[in-house]
Amino acid sequence: APDEVLGKNHRLLQGPDTDEKPVAAMREAIGSEERVTVE
């Protein structure tokens, strides 16, 4: 629900089998203020 995620980071959707590579790509793009698309 919205009140369960607002104010929190997207990483709450990550879990034990989430690959670190796309996560790192998103982190780098945000740090550089760039667009990015990952799966």
PDB file of all heavy atoms in Angstrom:
ATOM      1  N   ALA A   1       0.850  -1.185   0.000  1.00  0.00           N
ATOM      2  CA  ALA A   1       0.000   0.000   0.000  1.00  0.00           C
ATOM      3  C   ALA A   1       0.893   1.244   0.000  1.00  0.00           C
ATOM      4  O   ALA A   1       2.044   1.189   0.444  1.00  0.00           O
ATOM      5  CB  ALA A   1      -0.904   0.007   1.231  1.00  0.00           C
ATOM      6  N   PRO A   2       0.383   2.367  -0.506  1.00  0.00           N
ATOM      7  CA  PRO A   2       1.204   3.578  -0.544  1.00  0.00           C
ATOM      8  C   PRO A   2       1.825   3.946   0.795  1.00  0.00           C
ATOM      9  O   PRO A   2       3.010   4.301   0.860  1.00  0.00           O
ATOM     10  CB  PRO A   2       0.218   4.653  -1.032  1.00  0.00           C
ATOM     11  CG  PRO A   2      -0.755   3.902  -1.860  1.00  0.00           C
ATOM     12  CD  PRO A   2      -0.928   2.584  -1.166  1.00  0.00           C
ATOM     13  N   ASP A   3       1.049   3.851   1.894  1.00  0.00           N
ATOM     14  CA  ASP A   3       1.597   4.268   3.184  1.00  0.00           C
ATOM     15  C   ASP A   3       2.671   3.311   3.711  1.00  0.00           C
ATOM     16  O   ASP A   3       3.358   3.620   4.687  1.00  0.00           O
ATOM     17  CB  ASP A   3       0.484   4.427   4.216  1.00  0.00           C
ATOM     18  CG  ASP A   3      -0.302   3.138   4.446  1.00  0.00           C
ATOM     19  OD1 ASP A   3       0.011   2.119   3.800  1.00  0.00           O
ATOM     20  OD2 ASP A   3      -1.234   3.155   5.266  1.00  0.00           O
ATOM     21  N   GLU A   4       2.841   2.172   3.038  1.00  0.00           N
ATOM     22  CA  GLU A   4       3.882   1.228   3.442  1.00  0.00           C
ATOM     23  C   GLU A   4       5.206   1.478   2.721  1.00  0.00           C
ATOM     24  O   GLU A   4       6.242   0.960   3.138  1.00  0.00           O
ATOM     25  CB  GLU A   4       3.428  -0.209   3.169  1.00  0.00           C
ATOM     26  CG  GLU A   4       2.238  -0.648   4.003  1.00  0.00           C
ATOM     27  CD  GLU A   4       1.764  -2.032   3.637  1.00  0.00           C
ATOM     28  OE1 GLU A   4       1.512  -2.285   2.431  1.00  0.00           O
ATOM     29  OE2 GLU A   4       1.647  -2.882   4.550  1.00  0.00           O
ATOM     30  N   VAL A   5       5.166   2.271   1.643  1.00  0.00           N
ATOM     31  CA  VAL A   5       6.389   2.498   0.874  1.00  0.00           C
ATOM     32  C   VAL A   5       6.806   3.963   0.799  1.00  0.00           C
ATOM     33  O   VAL A   5       7.990   4.265   0.601  1.00  0.00           O
ATOM     34  CB  VAL A   5       6.251   1.932  -0.562  1.00  0.00           C
ATOM     35  CG1 VAL A   5       6.086   0.428  -0.534  1.00  0.00           C
ATOM     36  CG2 VAL A   5       5.084   2.591  -1.293  1.00  0.00           C
ATOM     37  N   LEU A   6       5.851   4.879   0.935  1.00  0.00           N
ATOM     38  CA  LEU A   6       6.209   6.296   0.851  1.00  0.00           C
ATOM     39  C   LEU A   6       7.176   6.649   1.978  1.00  0.00           C
ATOM     40  O   LEU A   6       6.962   6.282   3.134  1.00  0.00           O
ATOM     41  CB  LEU A   6       4.959   7.170   0.928  1.00  0.00           C
ATOM     42  CG  LEU A   6       3.976   7.021  -0.235  1.00  0.00           C
ATOM     43  CD1 LEU A   6       2.800   7.970  -0.062  1.00  0.00           C
ATOM     44  CD2 LEU A   6       4.665   7.258  -1.569  1.00  0.00           C
ATOM     45  N   GLY A   7       8.227   7.350   1.614  1.00  0.00           N
ATOM     46  CA  GLY A   7       9.260   7.687   2.586  1.00  0.00           C
ATOM     47  C   GLY A   7      10.360   6.636   2.667  1.00  0.00           C
ATOM     48  O   GLY A   7      11.311   6.796   3.440  1.00  0.00           O
ATOM     49  N   LYS A   8      10.246   5.566   1.852  1.00  0.00           N
ATOM     50  CA  LYS A   8      11.249   4.508   1.878  1.00  0.00           C
ATOM     51  C   LYS A   8      11.917   4.372   0.514  1.00  0.00           C
ATOM     52  O   LYS A   8      11.378   4.791  -0.500  1.00  0.00           O
ATOM     53  CB  LYS A   8      10.603   3.177   2.287  1.00  0.00           C
ATOM     54  CG  LYS A   8      10.001   3.211   3.686  1.00  0.00           C
ATOM     55  CD  LYS A   8       9.376   1.882   4.043  1.00  0.00           C
ATOM     56  CE  LYS A   8       8.761   1.934   5.445  1.00  0.00           C
ATOM     57  NZ  LYS A   8       8.091   0.649   5.813  1.00  0.00           N
ATOM     58  N   ASN A   9      13.058   3.729   0.496  1.00  0.00           N
ATOM     59  CA  ASN A   9      13.816   3.528  -0.731  1.00  0.00           C
ATOM     60  C   ASN A   9      13.305   2.291  -1.479  1.00  0.00           C
ATOM     61  O   ASN A   9      12.752   1.371  -0.884  1.00  0.00           O
ATOM     62  CB  ASN A   9      15.304   3.365  -0.405  1.00  0.00           C
ATOM     63  CG  ASN A   9      16.170   3.335  -1.644  1.00  0.00           C
ATOM     64  OD1 ASN A   9      16.312   2.313  -2.295  1.00  0.00           O
ATOM     65  ND2 ASN A   9      16.766   4.471  -1.963  1.00  0.00           N
ATOM     66  N   HIS A  10      13.560   2.266  -2.793  1.00  0.00           N
ATOM     67  CA  HIS A  10      13.125   1.142  -3.623  1.00  0.00           C
ATOM     68  C   HIS A  10      13.734  -0.195  -3.199  1.00  0.00           C
ATOM     69  O   HIS A  10      13.218  -1.259  -3.574  1.00  0.00           O
ATOM     70  CB  HIS A  10      13.500   1.393  -5.088  1.00  0.00           C
ATOM     71  CG  HIS A  10      12.527   2.257  -5.820  1.00  0.00           C
ATOM     72  ND1 HIS A  10      12.687   3.618  -5.934  1.00  0.00           N
ATOM     73  CD2 HIS A  10      11.378   1.962  -6.482  1.00  0.00           C
ATOM     74  CE1 HIS A  10      11.693   4.124  -6.638  1.00  0.00           C
ATOM     75  NE2 HIS A  10      10.874   3.146  -6.986  1.00  0.00           N
ATOM     76  N   ARG A  11      14.817  -0.155  -2.461  1.00  0.00           N
ATOM     77  CA  ARG A  11      15.483  -1.418  -2.129  1.00  0.00           C
ATOM     78  C   ARG A  11      14.599  -2.361  -1.305  1.00  0.00           C
ATOM     79  O   ARG A  11      14.926  -3.531  -1.162  1.00  0.00           O
ATOM     80  CB  ARG A  11      16.790  -1.148  -1.398  1.00  0.00           C
ATOM     81  CG  ARG A  11      16.666  -0.670   0.036  1.00  0.00           C
ATOM     82  CD  ARG A  11      18.030  -0.601   0.715  1.00  0.00           C
ATOM     83  NE  ARG A  11      18.870   0.375   0.086  1.00  0.00           N
ATOM     84  CZ  ARG A  11      18.895   1.672   0.416  1.00  0.00           C
ATOM     85  NH1 ARG A  11      18.099   2.124   1.382  1.00  0.00           N
ATOM     86  NH2 ARG A  11      19.687   2.514  -0.194  1.00  0.00           N
ATOM     87  N   LEU A  12      13.493  -1.844  -0.771  1.00  0.00           N
ATOM     88  CA  LEU A  12      12.608  -2.744  -0.023  1.00  0.00           C
ATOM     89  C   LEU A  12      12.032  -3.834  -0.920  1.00  0.00           C
ATOM     90  O   LEU A  12      11.521  -4.852  -0.434  1.00  0.00           O
ATOM     91  CB  LEU A  12      11.488  -1.965   0.673  1.00  0.00           C
ATOM     92  CG  LEU A  12      10.420  -1.244  -0.173  1.00  0.00           C
ATOM     93  CD1 LEU A  12       9.303  -2.164  -0.596  1.00  0.00           C
ATOM     94  CD2 LEU A  12       9.837  -0.072   0.601  1.00  0.00           C
ATOM     95  N   LEU A  13      12.126  -3.653  -2.267  1.00  0.00           N
ATOM     96  CA  LEU A  13      11.662  -4.680  -3.191  1.00  0.00           C
ATOM     97  C   LEU A  13      12.729  -5.743  -3.460  1.00  0.00           C
ATOM     98  O   LEU A  13      12.441  -6.756  -4.099  1.00  0.00           O
ATOM     99  CB  LEU A  13      11.257  -4.040  -4.531  1.00  0.00           C
ATOM    100  CG  LEU A  13      10.104  -3.035  -4.506  1.00  0.00           C
ATOM    101  CD1 LEU A  13       9.869  -2.473  -5.903  1.00  0.00           C
ATOM    102  CD2 LEU A  13       8.836  -3.670  -3.971  1.00  0.00           C
ATOM    103  N   GLN A  14      13.936  -5.519  -2.980  1.00  0.00           N
ATOM    104  CA  GLN A  14      15.018  -6.472  -3.226  1.00  0.00           C
ATOM    105  C   GLN A  14      14.958  -7.617  -2.212  1.00  0.00           C
ATOM    106  O   GLN A  14      14.394  -7.486  -1.128  1.00  0.00           O
ATOM    107  CB  GLN A  14      16.362  -5.760  -3.170  1.00  0.00           C
ATOM    108  CG  GLN A  14      16.516  -4.664  -4.227  1.00  0.00           C
ATOM    109  CD  GLN A  14      17.758  -3.816  -4.035  1.00  0.00           C
ATOM    110  OE1 GLN A  14      18.704  -4.236  -3.366  1.00  0.00           O
ATOM    111  NE2 GLN A  14      17.756  -2.628  -4.622  1.00  0.00           N
ATOM    112  N   GLY A  15      15.572  -8.742  -2.615  1.00  0.00           N
ATOM    113  CA  GLY A  15      15.572  -9.923  -1.758  1.00  0.00           C
ATOM    114  C   GLY A  15      16.805 -10.769  -1.968  1.00  0.00           C
ATOM    115  O   GLY A  15      17.786 -10.331  -2.590  1.00  0.00           O
ATOM    116  N   PRO A  16      16.777 -12.005  -1.496  1.00  0.00           N
ATOM    117  CA  PRO A  16      17.978 -12.853  -1.506  1.00  0.00           C
ATOM    118  C   PRO A  16      18.517 -13.152  -2.897  1.00  0.00           C
ATOM    119  O   PRO A  16      19.735 -13.356  -3.050  1.00  0.00           O
ATOM    120  CB  PRO A  16      17.506 -14.131  -0.800  1.00  0.00           C
ATOM    121  CG  PRO A  16      16.009 -14.097  -0.892  1.00  0.00           C
ATOM    122  CD  PRO A  16      15.641 -12.668  -0.843  1.00  0.00           C
ATOM    123  N   ASP A  17      17.673 -13.201  -3.934  1.00  0.00           N
ATOM    124  CA  ASP A  17      18.148 -13.537  -5.278  1.00  0.00           C
ATOM    125  C   ASP A  17      18.208 -12.325  -6.202  1.00  0.00           C
ATOM    126  O   ASP A  17      18.266 -12.477  -7.433  1.00  0.00           O
ATOM    127  CB  ASP A  17      17.245 -14.611  -5.895  1.00  0.00           C
ATOM    128  CG  ASP A  17      17.405 -15.963  -5.204  1.00  0.00           C
ATOM    129  OD1 ASP A  17      18.515 -16.228  -4.706  1.00  0.00           O
ATOM    130  OD2 ASP A  17      16.423 -16.720  -5.162  1.00  0.00           O
ATOM    131  N   THR A  18      18.184 -11.153  -5.628  1.00  0.00           N
ATOM    132  CA  THR A  18      18.328  -9.945  -6.443  1.00  0.00           C
ATOM    133  C   THR A  18      19.786  -9.775  -6.838  1.00  0.00           C
ATOM    134  O   THR A  18      20.675  -9.730  -5.980  1.00  0.00           O
ATOM    135  CB  THR A  18      17.854  -8.701  -5.675  1.00  0.00           C
ATOM    136  OG1 THR A  18      16.480  -8.850  -5.314  1.00  0.00           O
ATOM    137  CG2 THR A  18      18.009  -7.455  -6.536  1.00  0.00           C
ATOM    138  N   ASP A  19      20.045  -9.706  -8.145  1.00  0.00           N
ATOM    139  CA  ASP A  19      21.411  -9.576  -8.659  1.00  0.00           C
ATOM    140  C   ASP A  19      21.960  -8.188  -8.319  1.00  0.00           C
ATOM    141  O   ASP A  19      21.288  -7.172  -8.517  1.00  0.00           O
ATOM    142  CB  ASP A  19      21.408  -9.789 -10.176  1.00  0.00           C
ATOM    143  CG  ASP A  19      22.809  -9.928 -10.747  1.00  0.00           C
ATOM    144  OD1 ASP A  19      23.790  -9.567 -10.066  1.00  0.00           O
ATOM    145  OD2 ASP A  19      22.919 -10.395 -11.890  1.00  0.00           O
ATOM    146  N   GLU A  20      23.171  -8.128  -7.851  1.00  0.00           N
ATOM    147  CA  GLU A  20      23.780  -6.864  -7.453  1.00  0.00           C
ATOM    148  C   GLU A  20      24.140  -5.996  -8.659  1.00  0.00           C
ATOM    149  O   GLU A  20      24.184  -4.766  -8.549  1.00  0.00           O
ATOM    150  CB  GLU A  20      25.024  -7.128  -6.610  1.00  0.00           C
ATOM    151  CG  GLU A  20      25.819  -5.885  -6.218  1.00  0.00           C
ATOM    152  CD  GLU A  20      25.013  -4.873  -5.412  1.00  0.00           C
ATOM    153  OE1 GLU A  20      24.043  -5.288  -4.734  1.00  0.00           O
ATOM    154  OE2 GLU A  20      25.343  -3.671  -5.471  1.00  0.00           O
ATOM    155  N   LYS A  21      24.375  -6.606  -9.837  1.00  0.00           N
ATOM    156  CA  LYS A  21      24.822  -5.829 -10.994  1.00  0.00           C
ATOM    157  C   LYS A  21      23.789  -4.777 -11.428  1.00  0.00           C
ATOM    158  O   LYS A  21      24.138  -3.605 -11.594  1.00  0.00           O
ATOM    159  CB  LYS A  21      25.161  -6.756 -12.154  1.00  0.00           C
ATOM    160  CG  LYS A  21      26.428  -7.584 -11.918  1.00  0.00           C
ATOM    161  CD  LYS A  21      26.745  -8.444 -13.128  1.00  0.00           C
ATOM    162  CE  LYS A  21      28.011  -9.256 -12.886  1.00  0.00           C
ATOM    163  NZ  LYS A  21      28.335 -10.141 -14.045  1.00  0.00           N
ATOM    164  N   PRO A  22      22.533  -5.142 -11.656  1.00  0.00           N
ATOM    165  CA  PRO A  22      21.560  -4.101 -12.024  1.00  0.00           C
ATOM    166  C   PRO A  22      21.327  -3.093 -10.899  1.00  0.00           C
ATOM    167  O   PRO A  22      21.077  -1.911 -11.158  1.00  0.00           O
ATOM    168  CB  PRO A  22      20.280  -4.883 -12.343  1.00  0.00           C
ATOM    169  CG  PRO A  22      20.454  -6.197 -11.671  1.00  0.00           C
ATOM    170  CD  PRO A  22      21.911  -6.477 -11.709  1.00  0.00           C
ATOM    171  N   VAL A  23      21.420  -3.546  -9.653  1.00  0.00           N
ATOM    172  CA  VAL A  23      21.284  -2.623  -8.529  1.00  0.00           C
ATOM    173  C   VAL A  23      22.406  -1.594  -8.560  1.00  0.00           C
ATOM    174  O   VAL A  23      22.181  -0.391  -8.382  1.00  0.00           O
ATOM    175  CB  VAL A  23      21.284  -3.383  -7.189  1.00  0.00           C
ATOM    176  CG1 VAL A  23      21.288  -2.403  -6.014  1.00  0.00           C
ATOM    177  CG2 VAL A  23      20.080  -4.308  -7.093  1.00  0.00           C
ATOM    178  N   ALA A  24      23.634  -2.053  -8.822  1.00  0.00           N
ATOM    179  CA  ALA A  24      24.779  -1.139  -8.902  1.00  0.00           C
ATOM    180  C   ALA A  24      24.633  -0.183 -10.079  1.00  0.00           C
ATOM    181  O   ALA A  24      24.996   0.995  -9.989  1.00  0.00           O
ATOM    182  CB  ALA A  24      26.068  -1.940  -9.017  1.00  0.00           C
ATOM    183  N   ALA A  25      24.070  -0.683 -11.197  1.00  0.00           N
ATOM    184  CA  ALA A  25      23.881   0.173 -12.371  1.00  0.00           C
ATOM    185  C   ALA A  25      22.890   1.290 -12.059  1.00  0.00           C
ATOM    186  O   ALA A  25      23.096   2.451 -12.459  1.00  0.00           O
ATOM    187  CB  ALA A  25      23.382  -0.664 -13.542  1.00  0.00           C
ATOM    188  N   MET A  26      21.831   0.966 -11.339  1.00  0.00           N
ATOM    189  CA  MET A  26      20.864   2.003 -10.956  1.00  0.00           C
ATOM    190  C   MET A  26      21.498   3.002  -9.995  1.00  0.00           C
ATOM    191  O   MET A  26      21.312   4.215 -10.135  1.00  0.00           O
ATOM    192  CB  MET A  26      19.634   1.359 -10.310  1.00  0.00           C
ATOM    193  CG  MET A  26      18.738   0.617 -11.273  1.00  0.00           C
ATOM    194  SD  MET A  26      17.155   0.117 -10.525  1.00  0.00           S
ATOM    195  CE  MET A  26      17.721  -1.120  -9.354  1.00  0.00           C
ATOM    196  N   ARG A  27      22.271   2.497  -9.040  1.00  0.00           N
ATOM    197  CA  ARG A  27      22.913   3.364  -8.062  1.00  0.00           C
ATOM    198  C   ARG A  27      23.883   4.333  -8.756  1.00  0.00           C
ATOM    199  O   ARG A  27      23.923   5.536  -8.446  1.00  0.00           O
ATOM    200  CB  ARG A  27      23.646   2.518  -7.026  1.00  0.00           C
ATOM    201  CG  ARG A  27      24.199   3.331  -5.859  1.00  0.00           C
ATOM    202  CD  ARG A  27      25.016   2.450  -4.917  1.00  0.00           C
ATOM    203  NE  ARG A  27      24.236   1.301  -4.455  1.00  0.00           N
ATOM    204  CZ  ARG A  27      24.563   0.038  -4.703  1.00  0.00           C
ATOM    205  NH1 ARG A  27      25.639  -0.252  -5.416  1.00  0.00           N
ATOM    206  NH2 ARG A  27      23.808  -0.959  -4.238  1.00  0.00           N
ATOM    207  N   GLU A  28      24.628   3.820  -9.709  1.00  0.00           N
ATOM    208  CA  GLU A  28      25.594   4.660 -10.425  1.00  0.00           C
ATOM    209  C   GLU A  28      24.880   5.712 -11.271  1.00  0.00           C
ATOM    210  O   GLU A  28      25.301   6.876 -11.324  1.00  0.00           O
ATOM    211  CB  GLU A  28      26.477   3.780 -11.310  1.00  0.00           C
ATOM    212  CG  GLU A  28      27.530   4.569 -12.084  1.00  0.00           C
ATOM    213  CD  GLU A  28      28.412   3.672 -12.934  1.00  0.00           C
ATOM    214  OE1 GLU A  28      28.321   2.431 -12.786  1.00  0.00           O
ATOM    215  OE2 GLU A  28      29.190   4.202 -13.747  1.00  0.00           O
ATOM    216  N   ALA A  29      23.789   5.309 -11.964  1.00  0.00           N
ATOM    217  CA  ALA A  29      23.057   6.250 -12.804  1.00  0.00           C
ATOM    218  C   ALA A  29      22.439   7.371 -11.966  1.00  0.00           C
ATOM    219  O   ALA A  29      22.483   8.547 -12.352  1.00  0.00           O
ATOM    220  CB  ALA A  29      21.966   5.513 -13.581  1.00  0.00           C
ATOM    221  N   ILE A  30      21.883   7.018 -10.823  1.00  0.00           N
ATOM    222  CA  ILE A  30      21.293   8.033  -9.949  1.00  0.00           C
ATOM    223  C   ILE A  30      22.369   8.982  -9.439  1.00  0.00           C
ATOM    224  O   ILE A  30      22.170  10.203  -9.393  1.00  0.00           O
ATOM    225  CB  ILE A  30      20.554   7.351  -8.784  1.00  0.00           C
ATOM    226  CG1 ILE A  30      19.304   6.637  -9.305  1.00  0.00           C
ATOM    227  CG2 ILE A  30      20.181   8.381  -7.708  1.00  0.00           C
ATOM    228  CD1 ILE A  30      18.582   5.809  -8.268  1.00  0.00           C
ATOM    229  N   GLY A  31      23.529   8.424  -9.093  1.00  0.00           N
ATOM    230  CA  GLY A  31      24.620   9.272  -8.626  1.00  0.00           C
ATOM    231  C   GLY A  31      25.123  10.221  -9.694  1.00  0.00           C
ATOM    232  O   GLY A  31      25.614  11.310  -9.399  1.00  0.00           O
ATOM    233  N   SER A  32      24.985   9.809 -10.979  1.00  0.00           N
ATOM    234  CA  SER A  32      25.454  10.634 -12.095  1.00  0.00           C
ATOM    235  C   SER A  32      24.327  11.422 -12.745  1.00  0.00           C
ATOM    236  O   SER A  32      24.544  12.090 -13.761  1.00  0.00           O
ATOM    237  CB  SER A  32      26.124   9.747 -13.152  1.00  0.00           C
ATOM    238  OG  SER A  32      27.192   9.015 -12.604  1.00  0.00           O
ATOM    239  N   GLU A  33      23.117  11.316 -12.203  1.00  0.00           N
ATOM    240  CA  GLU A  33      21.930  11.984 -12.750  1.00  0.00           C
ATOM    241  C   GLU A  33      21.712  11.596 -14.210  1.00  0.00           C
ATOM    242  O   GLU A  33      21.514  12.437 -15.093  1.00  0.00           O
ATOM    243  CB  GLU A  33      22.035  13.505 -12.604  1.00  0.00           C
ATOM    244  CG  GLU A  33      22.108  13.972 -11.164  1.00  0.00           C
ATOM    245  CD  GLU A  33      22.141  15.471 -11.025  1.00  0.00           C
ATOM    246  OE1 GLU A  33      21.837  16.166 -12.023  1.00  0.00           O
ATOM    247  OE2 GLU A  33      22.469  15.966  -9.932  1.00  0.00           O
ATOM    248  N   GLU A  34      21.732  10.300 -14.472  1.00  0.00           N
ATOM    249  CA  GLU A  34      21.550   9.782 -15.824  1.00  0.00           C
ATOM    250  C   GLU A  34      20.366   8.823 -15.875  1.00  0.00           C
ATOM    251  O   GLU A  34      19.910   8.309 -14.850  1.00  0.00           O
ATOM    252  CB  GLU A  34      22.816   9.053 -16.289  1.00  0.00           C
ATOM    253  CG  GLU A  34      24.049   9.949 -16.392  1.00  0.00           C
ATOM    254  CD  GLU A  34      25.271   9.169 -16.787  1.00  0.00           C
ATOM    255  OE1 GLU A  34      25.220   7.918 -16.754  1.00  0.00           O
ATOM    256  OE2 GLU A  34      26.295   9.785 -17.138  1.00  0.00           O
ATOM    257  N   ARG A  35      19.881   8.569 -17.085  1.00  0.00           N
ATOM    258  CA  ARG A  35      18.831   7.586 -17.291  1.00  0.00           C
ATOM    259  C   ARG A  35      19.424   6.182 -17.254  1.00  0.00           C
ATOM    260  O   ARG A  35      20.592   5.981 -17.602  1.00  0.00           O
ATOM    261  CB  ARG A  35      18.159   7.797 -18.647  1.00  0.00           C
ATOM    262  CG  ARG A  35      17.425   9.131 -18.792  1.00  0.00           C
ATOM    263  CD  ARG A  35      16.983   9.319 -20.230  1.00  0.00           C
ATOM    264  NE  ARG A  35      16.228  10.550 -20.394  1.00  0.00           N
ATOM    265  CZ  ARG A  35      14.909  10.636 -20.398  1.00  0.00           C
ATOM    266  NH1 ARG A  35      14.199   9.517 -20.250  1.00  0.00           N
ATOM    267  NH2 ARG A  35      14.288  11.777 -20.540  1.00  0.00           N
ATOM    268  N   VAL A  36      18.578   5.234 -16.873  1.00  0.00           N
ATOM    269  CA  VAL A  36      19.040   3.848 -16.862  1.00  0.00           C
ATOM    270  C   VAL A  36      17.837   2.913 -16.943  1.00  0.00           C
ATOM    271  O   VAL A  36      16.743   3.261 -16.472  1.00  0.00           O
ATOM    272  CB  VAL A  36      19.855   3.542 -15.577  1.00  0.00           C
ATOM    273  CG1 VAL A  36      18.966   3.623 -14.340  1.00  0.00           C
ATOM    274  CG2 VAL A  36      20.530   2.186 -15.670  1.00  0.00           C
ATOM    275  N   THR A  37      18.035   1.761 -17.580  1.00  0.00           N
ATOM    276  CA  THR A  37      17.019   0.710 -17.627  1.00  0.00           C
ATOM    277  C   THR A  37      17.690  -0.619 -17.310  1.00  0.00           C
ATOM    278  O   THR A  37      18.716  -0.957 -17.915  1.00  0.00           O
ATOM    279  CB  THR A  37      16.352   0.622 -19.013  1.00  0.00           C
ATOM    280  OG1 THR A  37      15.682   1.853 -19.300  1.00  0.00           O
ATOM    281  CG2 THR A  37      15.337  -0.510 -19.060  1.00  0.00           C
ATOM    282  N   VAL A  38      17.135  -1.345 -16.362  1.00  0.00           N
ATOM    283  CA  VAL A  38      17.705  -2.634 -15.960  1.00  0.00           C
ATOM    284  C   VAL A  38      16.569  -3.632 -15.764  1.00  0.00           C
ATOM    285  O   VAL A  38      15.398  -3.267 -15.664  1.00  0.00           O
ATOM    286  CB  VAL A  38      18.508  -2.518 -14.640  1.00  0.00           C
ATOM    287  CG1 VAL A  38      19.667  -1.543 -14.793  1.00  0.00           C
ATOM    288  CG2 VAL A  38      17.604  -2.093 -13.489  1.00  0.00           C
ATOM    289  N   GLU A  39      16.966  -4.904 -15.734  1.00  0.00           N
ATOM    290  CA  GLU A  39      16.032  -5.976 -15.400  1.00  0.00           C
ATOM    291  C   GLU A  39      16.581  -6.716 -14.193  1.00  0.00           C
ATOM    292  O   GLU A  39      17.760  -7.078 -14.169  1.00  0.00           O
ATOM    293  CB  GLU A  39      15.861  -6.929 -16.588  1.00  0.00           C
ATOM    294  CG  GLU A  39      15.222  -6.262 -17.797  1.00  0.00           C
ATOM    295  CD  GLU A  39      15.070  -7.199 -18.985  1.00  0.00           C
ATOM    296  OE1 GLU A  39      15.485  -8.382 -18.857  1.00  0.00           O
ATOM    297  OE2 GLU A  39      14.552  -6.764 -20.025  1.00  0.00           O
TER     298      GLU A  39
END
